[in-house]
């Protein structure tokens, strides 16, 4: 199989446009860790005390996270999908 055929096959793969429960858990955990280490929240929290997991969940639900997921297929090809398209 030459390179053009591989690119054509990779182009035919349309990823499912929603997060799996495993991807959701990973993204929330990753963002909660970033918040714990001092990253600024992307939503307005006011003066109330906040929980990093709750903030990460709200940011994900509001589609504010500038992340992309790489979905790998069994043949080794992959598709990068922006997180804002998957929620």
C-alpha atoms as a PDB file:
ATOM      1  CA  UNK A   1       0.000   0.000   0.000  1.00  0.00           C
ATOM      2  CA  UNK A   2       1.482   3.350  -0.982  1.00  0.00           C
ATOM      3  CA  UNK A   3       1.268   6.616   0.917  1.00  0.00           C
ATOM      4  CA  UNK A   4      -1.676   7.983  -1.117  1.00  0.00           C
ATOM      5  CA  UNK A   5      -3.758   4.896  -0.381  1.00  0.00           C
ATOM      6  CA  UNK A   6      -2.954   5.175   3.327  1.00  0.00           C
ATOM      7  CA  UNK A   7      -4.011   8.829   3.384  1.00  0.00           C
ATOM      8  CA  UNK A   8      -7.253   7.980   1.568  1.00  0.00           C
ATOM      9  CA  UNK A   9      -8.026   5.228   4.066  1.00  0.00           C
ATOM     10  CA  UNK A  10      -7.260   7.517   6.998  1.00  0.00           C
ATOM     11  CA  UNK A  11      -9.522  10.204   5.511  1.00  0.00           C
ATOM     12  CA  UNK A  12     -12.492   7.822   5.401  1.00  0.00           C
ATOM     13  CA  UNK A  13     -12.479   7.298   9.159  1.00  0.00           C
ATOM     14  CA  UNK A  14     -14.973   9.593  10.820  1.00  0.00           C
ATOM     15  CA  UNK A  15     -14.573   9.621  14.599  1.00  0.00           C
ATOM     16  CA  UNK A  16     -17.574   9.372  16.876  1.00  0.00           C
ATOM     17  CA  UNK A  17     -18.426  12.914  17.915  1.00  0.00           C
ATOM     18  CA  UNK A  18     -18.819  12.330  21.635  1.00  0.00           C
ATOM     19  CA  UNK A  19     -16.530  11.533  24.515  1.00  0.00           C
ATOM     20  CA  UNK A  20     -16.301   8.019  25.856  1.00  0.00           C
ATOM     21  CA  UNK A  21     -16.494   7.666  29.624  1.00  0.00           C
ATOM     22  CA  UNK A  22     -12.779   6.885  29.676  1.00  0.00           C
ATOM     23  CA  UNK A  23     -11.844   9.997  27.683  1.00  0.00           C
ATOM     24  CA  UNK A  24     -14.113  12.117  29.877  1.00  0.00           C
ATOM     25  CA  UNK A  25     -12.466  10.804  33.060  1.00  0.00           C
ATOM     26  CA  UNK A  26      -8.997  11.383  31.647  1.00  0.00           C
ATOM     27  CA  UNK A  27      -9.731  14.953  30.519  1.00  0.00           C
ATOM     28  CA  UNK A  28     -11.345  15.909  33.844  1.00  0.00           C
ATOM     29  CA  UNK A  29      -8.475  14.346  35.783  1.00  0.00           C
ATOM     30  CA  UNK A  30      -5.873  16.093  33.636  1.00  0.00           C
ATOM     31  CA  UNK A  31      -7.534  19.485  34.009  1.00  0.00           C
ATOM     32  CA  UNK A  32      -8.063  19.008  37.760  1.00  0.00           C
ATOM     33  CA  UNK A  33      -4.340  18.293  38.118  1.00  0.00           C
ATOM     34  CA  UNK A  34      -3.499  21.450  36.167  1.00  0.00           C
ATOM     35  CA  UNK A  35      -5.791  23.483  38.438  1.00  0.00           C
ATOM     36  CA  UNK A  36      -4.229  21.944  41.546  1.00  0.00           C
ATOM     37  CA  UNK A  37      -0.773  22.909  40.285  1.00  0.00           C
ATOM     38  CA  UNK A  38      -1.803  26.543  39.850  1.00  0.00           C
ATOM     39  CA  UNK A  39      -3.327  26.891  36.390  1.00  0.00           C
ATOM     40  CA  UNK A  40      -5.940  29.655  36.241  1.00  0.00           C
ATOM     41  CA  UNK A  41      -9.554  28.490  35.930  1.00  0.00           C
ATOM     42  CA  UNK A  42     -11.329  29.307  32.668  1.00  0.00           C
ATOM     43  CA  UNK A  43     -14.667  30.010  34.358  1.00  0.00           C
ATOM     44  CA  UNK A  44     -15.696  32.682  36.840  1.00  0.00           C
ATOM     45  CA  UNK A  45     -15.637  31.233  40.351  1.00  0.00           C
ATOM     46  CA  UNK A  46     -16.453  34.283  42.413  1.00  0.00           C
ATOM     47  CA  UNK A  47     -15.187  34.281  45.993  1.00  0.00           C
ATOM     48  CA  UNK A  48     -16.541  30.867  46.950  1.00  0.00           C
ATOM     49  CA  UNK A  49     -14.138  28.013  47.744  1.00  0.00           C
ATOM     50  CA  UNK A  50     -13.808  25.600  44.845  1.00  0.00           C
ATOM     51  CA  UNK A  51     -13.008  21.973  44.175  1.00  0.00           C
ATOM     52  CA  UNK A  52     -10.673  21.286  41.213  1.00  0.00           C
ATOM     53  CA  UNK A  53     -12.777  18.334  39.994  1.00  0.00           C
ATOM     54  CA  UNK A  54     -15.944  20.409  40.020  1.00  0.00           C
ATOM     55  CA  UNK A  55     -14.270  23.274  38.173  1.00  0.00           C
ATOM     56  CA  UNK A  56     -12.777  20.889  35.587  1.00  0.00           C
ATOM     57  CA  UNK A  57     -16.191  19.297  35.022  1.00  0.00           C
ATOM     58  CA  UNK A  58     -17.864  22.684  34.548  1.00  0.00           C
ATOM     59  CA  UNK A  59     -15.130  23.800  32.128  1.00  0.00           C
ATOM     60  CA  UNK A  60     -15.613  20.607  30.099  1.00  0.00           C
ATOM     61  CA  UNK A  61     -19.406  20.983  30.017  1.00  0.00           C
ATOM     62  CA  UNK A  62     -19.064  24.621  28.879  1.00  0.00           C
ATOM     63  CA  UNK A  63     -16.598  23.594  26.123  1.00  0.00           C
ATOM     64  CA  UNK A  64     -13.902  25.938  27.370  1.00  0.00           C
ATOM     65  CA  UNK A  65     -10.921  23.585  27.329  1.00  0.00           C
ATOM     66  CA  UNK A  66      -8.513  24.199  24.420  1.00  0.00           C
ATOM     67  CA  UNK A  67      -7.483  20.550  24.074  1.00  0.00           C
ATOM     68  CA  UNK A  68      -7.524  17.945  21.321  1.00  0.00           C
ATOM     69  CA  UNK A  69      -7.869  14.190  21.663  1.00  0.00           C
ATOM     70  CA  UNK A  70      -5.896  11.814  19.499  1.00  0.00           C
ATOM     71  CA  UNK A  71      -7.947   8.770  18.600  1.00  0.00           C
ATOM     72  CA  UNK A  72      -5.824   5.898  17.342  1.00  0.00           C
ATOM     73  CA  UNK A  73      -7.211   3.213  15.038  1.00  0.00           C
ATOM     74  CA  UNK A  74      -6.123  -0.449  15.023  1.00  0.00           C
ATOM     75  CA  UNK A  75      -4.128   0.023  11.804  1.00  0.00           C
ATOM     76  CA  UNK A  76      -1.948   2.664  13.487  1.00  0.00           C
ATOM     77  CA  UNK A  77      -3.529   5.708  11.884  1.00  0.00           C
ATOM     78  CA  UNK A  78      -4.989   8.434  14.060  1.00  0.00           C
ATOM     79  CA  UNK A  79      -7.299  11.429  14.022  1.00  0.00           C
ATOM     80  CA  UNK A  80      -6.889  14.523  16.189  1.00  0.00           C
ATOM     81  CA  UNK A  81     -10.289  15.831  17.284  1.00  0.00           C
ATOM     82  CA  UNK A  82     -10.762  19.145  19.141  1.00  0.00           C
ATOM     83  CA  UNK A  83     -12.403  18.621  22.501  1.00  0.00           C
ATOM     84  CA  UNK A  84     -14.963  21.326  21.793  1.00  0.00           C
ATOM     85  CA  UNK A  85     -16.448  19.110  19.059  1.00  0.00           C
ATOM     86  CA  UNK A  86     -16.814  16.066  21.325  1.00  0.00           C
ATOM     87  CA  UNK A  87     -18.782  17.271  24.325  1.00  0.00           C
END
